[in-house]
Amino acid sequence: MSYLRKIEYEIVLKESFCIFRNCPKCGRKTHYINTKKFRINANGNKLDIWLIYQCLECKHTLNLTVYERRKATSIPKEEYHCFLDNDEQLAEMYGKNMQLFRANKADIDFDRLHYDLVKLHETMESSGLGEQMVITVMNPHRLKIHLEKQIAMVLGLSRNQVKSLLQKEEIEIKMELPQSVSFSISPCLFPMDT
């Protein structure tokens, strides 16, 4: 019987983004990392909340704006208490939020990213189109990872091997978006234990 095997993976960040920027104390570009702490400033009934990053070398700090001039009542109570408690999970969540870095014009060092590829689920359906395997790699943080590298990570191949399979049309790209890529491959090339 013919089947269609669908496998979905997700690229999961191991840690917050690292920033590369000029450090006024060091006098050159250095790396800044997430301290997992917040700074809160109240001005009347308005709040400013920042995520604190610091230089790896001299510990100079950089505040990334999370909320600016917001009414305290407009911030969910549970989240506000997490800010006050310097909740590490919340700090990690904001440290992986691409929109926060764009809004703060912070340059992420994509070369220092640490991530894993996690298998989310797999399904098998009968198919009248012959045996086929479709693999989707979700990239929720829109990390700048080359298409060939994503496929190579899933299949356990080198990027050159993937390029060769793409040229021979043994791997076919179904969809390529910033947040995901789907491709099909013959199951005879990569049997059921992939």
C-alpha atoms as a PDB file:
ATOM      1  CA  MET A   1       0.000   0.000   0.000  1.00  0.00           C
ATOM      2  CA  SER A   2       1.215   3.517  -0.806  1.00  0.00           C
ATOM      3  CA  TYR A   3       1.568   5.987   2.035  1.00  0.00           C
ATOM      4  CA  LEU A   4       2.252   9.628   2.756  1.00  0.00           C
ATOM      5  CA  ARG A   5       4.439  10.165   5.785  1.00  0.00           C
ATOM      6  CA  LYS A   6       4.388  13.672   7.292  1.00  0.00           C
ATOM      7  CA  ILE A   7       6.953  14.759   9.871  1.00  0.00           C
ATOM      8  CA  GLU A   8       7.060  18.159  11.555  1.00  0.00           C
ATOM      9  CA  TYR A   9      10.076  19.646  13.336  1.00  0.00           C
ATOM     10  CA  GLU A  10      10.622  22.943  15.107  1.00  0.00           C
ATOM     11  CA  ILE A  11      13.808  24.949  15.569  1.00  0.00           C
ATOM     12  CA  VAL A  12      13.942  25.775  19.288  1.00  0.00           C
ATOM     13  CA  LEU A  13      16.305  28.374  20.725  1.00  0.00           C
ATOM     14  CA  LYS A  14      18.377  27.141  23.676  1.00  0.00           C
ATOM     15  CA  GLU A  15      18.999  30.643  25.013  1.00  0.00           C
ATOM     16  CA  SER A  16      18.228  34.307  24.455  1.00  0.00           C
ATOM     17  CA  PHE A  17      19.581  36.250  21.503  1.00  0.00           C
ATOM     18  CA  CYS A  18      23.046  37.729  21.898  1.00  0.00           C
ATOM     19  CA  ILE A  19      23.533  41.366  20.831  1.00  0.00           C
ATOM     20  CA  PHE A  20      26.635  42.719  19.083  1.00  0.00           C
ATOM     21  CA  ARG A  21      27.076  46.478  19.560  1.00  0.00           C
ATOM     22  CA  ASN A  22      29.468  49.241  20.528  1.00  0.00           C
ATOM     23  CA  CYS A  23      30.270  49.258  24.227  1.00  0.00           C
ATOM     24  CA  PRO A  24      31.068  52.748  25.571  1.00  0.00           C
ATOM     25  CA  LYS A  25      33.306  51.324  28.322  1.00  0.00           C
ATOM     26  CA  CYS A  26      35.233  48.893  26.125  1.00  0.00           C
ATOM     27  CA  GLY A  27      35.475  51.390  23.246  1.00  0.00           C
ATOM     28  CA  ARG A  28      34.632  48.776  20.589  1.00  0.00           C
ATOM     29  CA  LYS A  29      31.955  46.312  19.511  1.00  0.00           C
ATOM     30  CA  THR A  30      31.295  43.583  22.061  1.00  0.00           C
ATOM     31  CA  HIS A  31      28.659  40.997  22.844  1.00  0.00           C
ATOM     32  CA  TYR A  32      25.802  41.709  25.217  1.00  0.00           C
ATOM     33  CA  ILE A  33      23.840  38.929  26.910  1.00  0.00           C
ATOM     34  CA  ASN A  34      20.508  38.700  28.702  1.00  0.00           C
ATOM     35  CA  THR A  35      20.864  39.188  32.489  1.00  0.00           C
ATOM     36  CA  LYS A  36      17.352  37.745  32.939  1.00  0.00           C
ATOM     37  CA  LYS A  37      16.444  40.817  34.941  1.00  0.00           C
ATOM     38  CA  PHE A  38      14.041  43.678  34.336  1.00  0.00           C
ATOM     39  CA  ARG A  39      14.176  47.330  35.264  1.00  0.00           C
ATOM     40  CA  ILE A  40      10.910  49.080  36.072  1.00  0.00           C
ATOM     41  CA  ASN A  41      10.455  52.826  36.355  1.00  0.00           C
ATOM     42  CA  ALA A  42       7.197  54.469  37.432  1.00  0.00           C
ATOM     43  CA  ASN A  43       6.351  58.035  36.508  1.00  0.00           C
ATOM     44  CA  GLY A  44       2.946  58.832  37.990  1.00  0.00           C
ATOM     45  CA  ASN A  45       0.603  56.138  36.717  1.00  0.00           C
ATOM     46  CA  LYS A  46       2.821  55.329  33.706  1.00  0.00           C
ATOM     47  CA  LEU A  47       5.412  52.560  33.633  1.00  0.00           C
ATOM     48  CA  ASP A  48       8.554  51.906  31.654  1.00  0.00           C
ATOM     49  CA  ILE A  49       9.846  48.334  31.686  1.00  0.00           C
ATOM     50  CA  TRP A  50      13.172  47.227  30.236  1.00  0.00           C
ATOM     51  CA  LEU A  51      14.932  43.912  29.790  1.00  0.00           C
ATOM     52  CA  ILE A  52      18.537  44.341  30.935  1.00  0.00           C
ATOM     53  CA  TYR A  53      21.391  43.118  28.751  1.00  0.00           C
ATOM     54  CA  GLN A  54      25.050  43.489  29.703  1.00  0.00           C
ATOM     55  CA  CYS A  55      28.444  43.496  28.023  1.00  0.00           C
ATOM     56  CA  LEU A  56      30.197  40.149  28.392  1.00  0.00           C
ATOM     57  CA  GLU A  57      33.536  41.868  29.045  1.00  0.00           C
ATOM     58  CA  CYS A  58      32.934  44.911  31.269  1.00  0.00           C
ATOM     59  CA  LYS A  59      29.332  44.326  32.483  1.00  0.00           C
ATOM     60  CA  HIS A  60      28.119  47.678  31.069  1.00  0.00           C
ATOM     61  CA  THR A  61      24.318  47.443  30.811  1.00  0.00           C
ATOM     62  CA  LEU A  62      21.910  48.067  27.968  1.00  0.00           C
ATOM     63  CA  ASN A  63      18.166  48.416  28.542  1.00  0.00           C
ATOM     64  CA  LEU A  64      15.835  47.030  25.873  1.00  0.00           C
ATOM     65  CA  THR A  65      12.399  48.625  26.056  1.00  0.00           C
ATOM     66  CA  VAL A  66       9.615  46.120  26.715  1.00  0.00           C
ATOM     67  CA  TYR A  67       6.915  48.672  27.626  1.00  0.00           C
ATOM     68  CA  GLU A  68       7.172  52.440  27.393  1.00  0.00           C
ATOM     69  CA  ARG A  69       4.833  54.928  29.111  1.00  0.00           C
ATOM     70  CA  ARG A  70       2.161  52.297  29.703  1.00  0.00           C
ATOM     71  CA  LYS A  71      -0.545  52.488  32.318  1.00  0.00           C
ATOM     72  CA  ALA A  72       0.044  49.860  34.977  1.00  0.00           C
ATOM     73  CA  THR A  73      -3.543  48.668  34.493  1.00  0.00           C
ATOM     74  CA  SER A  74      -2.865  47.905  30.806  1.00  0.00           C
ATOM     75  CA  ILE A  75      -0.246  45.272  31.721  1.00  0.00           C
ATOM     76  CA  PRO A  76      -1.659  41.893  32.771  1.00  0.00           C
ATOM     77  CA  LYS A  77      -1.353  41.543  36.554  1.00  0.00           C
ATOM     78  CA  GLU A  78       0.424  38.179  36.388  1.00  0.00           C
ATOM     79  CA  GLU A  79       2.967  39.483  33.890  1.00  0.00           C
ATOM     80  CA  TYR A  80       3.538  42.631  35.973  1.00  0.00           C
ATOM     81  CA  HIS A  81       4.308  40.507  39.049  1.00  0.00           C
ATOM     82  CA  CYS A  82       6.726  38.452  36.938  1.00  0.00           C
ATOM     83  CA  PHE A  83       8.519  41.685  35.958  1.00  0.00           C
ATOM     84  CA  LEU A  84       8.762  42.660  39.637  1.00  0.00           C
ATOM     85  CA  ASP A  85      10.094  39.193  40.560  1.00  0.00           C
ATOM     86  CA  ASN A  86      12.636  39.156  37.697  1.00  0.00           C
ATOM     87  CA  ASP A  87      11.043  35.954  36.446  1.00  0.00           C
ATOM     88  CA  GLU A  88      13.701  34.102  34.406  1.00  0.00           C
ATOM     89  CA  GLN A  89      11.189  32.394  32.119  1.00  0.00           C
ATOM     90  CA  LEU A  90       9.628  35.719  31.176  1.00  0.00           C
ATOM     91  CA  ALA A  91      13.088  37.228  30.639  1.00  0.00           C
ATOM     92  CA  GLU A  92      13.985  34.272  28.377  1.00  0.00           C
ATOM     93  CA  MET A  93      10.723  34.699  26.477  1.00  0.00           C
ATOM     94  CA  TYR A  94      11.443  38.377  25.799  1.00  0.00           C
ATOM     95  CA  GLY A  95      15.109  37.533  25.074  1.00  0.00           C
ATOM     96  CA  LYS A  96      13.884  35.343  22.182  1.00  0.00           C
ATOM     97  CA  ASN A  97      11.328  37.832  20.846  1.00  0.00           C
ATOM     98  CA  MET A  98      12.549  39.082  17.465  1.00  0.00           C
ATOM     99  CA  GLN A  99      10.056  41.986  17.491  1.00  0.00           C
ATOM    100  CA  LEU A 100      11.573  43.327  20.730  1.00  0.00           C
ATOM    101  CA  PHE A 101      15.034  43.435  19.144  1.00  0.00           C
ATOM    102  CA  ARG A 102      13.748  45.068  15.965  1.00  0.00           C
ATOM    103  CA  ALA A 103      11.850  47.717  17.952  1.00  0.00           C
ATOM    104  CA  ASN A 104      15.019  48.452  19.960  1.00  0.00           C
ATOM    105  CA  LYS A 105      17.218  48.437  16.807  1.00  0.00           C
ATOM    106  CA  ALA A 106      19.455  45.857  18.493  1.00  0.00           C
ATOM    107  CA  ASP A 107      21.753  43.812  16.236  1.00  0.00           C
ATOM    108  CA  ILE A 108      21.416  40.110  16.967  1.00  0.00           C
ATOM    109  CA  ASP A 109      24.584  38.071  16.470  1.00  0.00           C
ATOM    110  CA  PHE A 110      23.124  35.215  14.426  1.00  0.00           C
ATOM    111  CA  ASP A 111      26.502  33.439  14.423  1.00  0.00           C
ATOM    112  CA  ARG A 112      26.220  32.880  18.189  1.00  0.00           C
ATOM    113  CA  LEU A 113      22.787  31.240  18.140  1.00  0.00           C
ATOM    114  CA  HIS A 114      22.358  27.969  19.979  1.00  0.00           C
ATOM    115  CA  TYR A 115      19.346  25.956  18.934  1.00  0.00           C
ATOM    116  CA  ASP A 116      17.973  22.431  18.727  1.00  0.00           C
ATOM    117  CA  LEU A 117      15.794  20.704  16.199  1.00  0.00           C
ATOM    118  CA  VAL A 118      12.835  19.102  17.990  1.00  0.00           C
ATOM    119  CA  LYS A 119      10.517  16.576  16.371  1.00  0.00           C
ATOM    120  CA  LEU A 120       6.928  17.669  17.071  1.00  0.00           C
ATOM    121  CA  HIS A 121       4.895  14.885  15.510  1.00  0.00           C
ATOM    122  CA  GLU A 122       4.601  12.379  12.717  1.00  0.00           C
ATOM    123  CA  THR A 123       1.603  11.048  10.825  1.00  0.00           C
ATOM    124  CA  MET A 124       1.108   8.362   8.216  1.00  0.00           C
ATOM    125  CA  GLU A 125      -1.739   8.366   5.684  1.00  0.00           C
ATOM    126  CA  SER A 126      -2.597   6.080   2.827  1.00  0.00           C
ATOM    127  CA  SER A 127      -1.964   7.699  -0.522  1.00  0.00           C
ATOM    128  CA  GLY A 128      -2.773   6.991  -4.135  1.00  0.00           C
ATOM    129  CA  LEU A 129       0.308   8.912  -5.261  1.00  0.00           C
ATOM    130  CA  GLY A 130       2.918   6.314  -4.343  1.00  0.00           C
ATOM    131  CA  GLU A 131       5.215   6.415  -1.354  1.00  0.00           C
ATOM    132  CA  GLN A 132       6.084   9.935  -0.309  1.00  0.00           C
ATOM    133  CA  MET A 133       7.575  11.703   2.712  1.00  0.00           C
ATOM    134  CA  VAL A 134       6.912  15.400   3.433  1.00  0.00           C
ATOM    135  CA  ILE A 135       8.966  17.105   6.123  1.00  0.00           C
ATOM    136  CA  THR A 136       8.187  20.546   7.540  1.00  0.00           C
ATOM    137  CA  VAL A 137      10.648  22.553   9.612  1.00  0.00           C
ATOM    138  CA  MET A 138       8.997  25.324  11.636  1.00  0.00           C
ATOM    139  CA  ASN A 139      11.169  28.365  12.362  1.00  0.00           C
ATOM    140  CA  PRO A 140       8.994  30.460  14.728  1.00  0.00           C
ATOM    141  CA  HIS A 141      11.782  32.920  15.563  1.00  0.00           C
ATOM    142  CA  ARG A 142      12.578  33.397  11.859  1.00  0.00           C
ATOM    143  CA  LEU A 143      16.227  32.608  12.435  1.00  0.00           C
ATOM    144  CA  LYS A 144      18.519  33.198   9.477  1.00  0.00           C
ATOM    145  CA  ILE A 145      19.375  29.559   8.779  1.00  0.00           C
ATOM    146  CA  HIS A 146      20.011  28.586   5.158  1.00  0.00           C
ATOM    147  CA  LEU A 147      17.509  26.242   3.571  1.00  0.00           C
ATOM    148  CA  GLU A 148      20.166  23.597   2.870  1.00  0.00           C
ATOM    149  CA  LYS A 149      21.297  23.683   6.502  1.00  0.00           C
ATOM    150  CA  GLN A 150      17.752  23.155   7.791  1.00  0.00           C
ATOM    151  CA  ILE A 151      17.280  20.152   5.504  1.00  0.00           C
ATOM    152  CA  ALA A 152      20.742  18.820   6.407  1.00  0.00           C
ATOM    153  CA  MET A 153      19.918  19.042  10.133  1.00  0.00           C
ATOM    154  CA  VAL A 154      16.758  16.974   9.658  1.00  0.00           C
ATOM    155  CA  LEU A 155      18.304  14.356   7.383  1.00  0.00           C
ATOM    156  CA  GLY A 156      21.698  14.131   9.085  1.00  0.00           C
ATOM    157  CA  LEU A 157      23.545  15.016   5.893  1.00  0.00           C
ATOM    158  CA  SER A 158      26.109  17.632   4.907  1.00  0.00           C
ATOM    159  CA  ARG A 159      24.967  20.765   3.115  1.00  0.00           C
ATOM    160  CA  ASN A 160      26.843  19.605  -0.011  1.00  0.00           C
ATOM    161  CA  GLN A 161      24.933  16.316   0.012  1.00  0.00           C
ATOM    162  CA  VAL A 162      21.659  18.234   0.311  1.00  0.00           C
ATOM    163  CA  LYS A 163      22.639  20.555  -2.556  1.00  0.00           C
ATOM    164  CA  SER A 164      23.389  17.515  -4.684  1.00  0.00           C
ATOM    165  CA  LEU A 165      20.018  15.912  -3.851  1.00  0.00           C
ATOM    166  CA  LEU A 166      18.258  19.197  -4.670  1.00  0.00           C
ATOM    167  CA  GLN A 167      20.042  19.394  -8.038  1.00  0.00           C
ATOM    168  CA  LYS A 168      19.082  15.778  -8.816  1.00  0.00           C
ATOM    169  CA  GLU A 169      15.502  16.657  -7.766  1.00  0.00           C
ATOM    170  CA  GLU A 170      15.522  13.859  -5.189  1.00  0.00           C
ATOM    171  CA  ILE A 171      14.485  16.514  -2.675  1.00  0.00           C
ATOM    172  CA  GLU A 172      11.683  18.819  -3.784  1.00  0.00           C
ATOM    173  CA  ILE A 173      10.934  22.085  -1.972  1.00  0.00           C
ATOM    174  CA  LYS A 174       7.167  22.335  -1.434  1.00  0.00           C
ATOM    175  CA  MET A 175       7.043  25.660   0.410  1.00  0.00           C
ATOM    176  CA  GLU A 176       9.617  28.119   1.698  1.00  0.00           C
ATOM    177  CA  LEU A 177       8.571  30.922   4.044  1.00  0.00           C
ATOM    178  CA  PRO A 178      10.567  32.833   6.701  1.00  0.00           C
ATOM    179  CA  GLN A 179       8.844  30.825   9.453  1.00  0.00           C
ATOM    180  CA  SER A 180       8.836  27.381   7.808  1.00  0.00           C
ATOM    181  CA  VAL A 181      10.056  25.195   4.989  1.00  0.00           C
ATOM    182  CA  SER A 182       8.430  22.022   3.645  1.00  0.00           C
ATOM    183  CA  PHE A 183      10.107  19.539   1.374  1.00  0.00           C
ATOM    184  CA  SER A 184       9.429  16.074   0.051  1.00  0.00           C
ATOM    185  CA  ILE A 185      11.869  13.249  -0.321  1.00  0.00           C
ATOM    186  CA  SER A 186      11.646   9.684  -1.471  1.00  0.00           C
ATOM    187  CA  PRO A 187      11.261   7.361   1.552  1.00  0.00           C
ATOM    188  CA  CYS A 188      13.581   4.840  -0.151  1.00  0.00           C
ATOM    189  CA  LEU A 189      16.429   7.367   0.290  1.00  0.00           C
ATOM    190  CA  PHE A 190      15.543   7.879   3.971  1.00  0.00           C
ATOM    191  CA  PRO A 191      13.631   4.940   5.416  1.00  0.00           C
ATOM    192  CA  MET A 192      11.250   4.948   8.377  1.00  0.00           C
ATOM    193  CA  ASP A 193      13.871   5.633  11.121  1.00  0.00           C
ATOM    194  CA  THR A 194      14.527   9.252   9.897  1.00  0.00           C
END
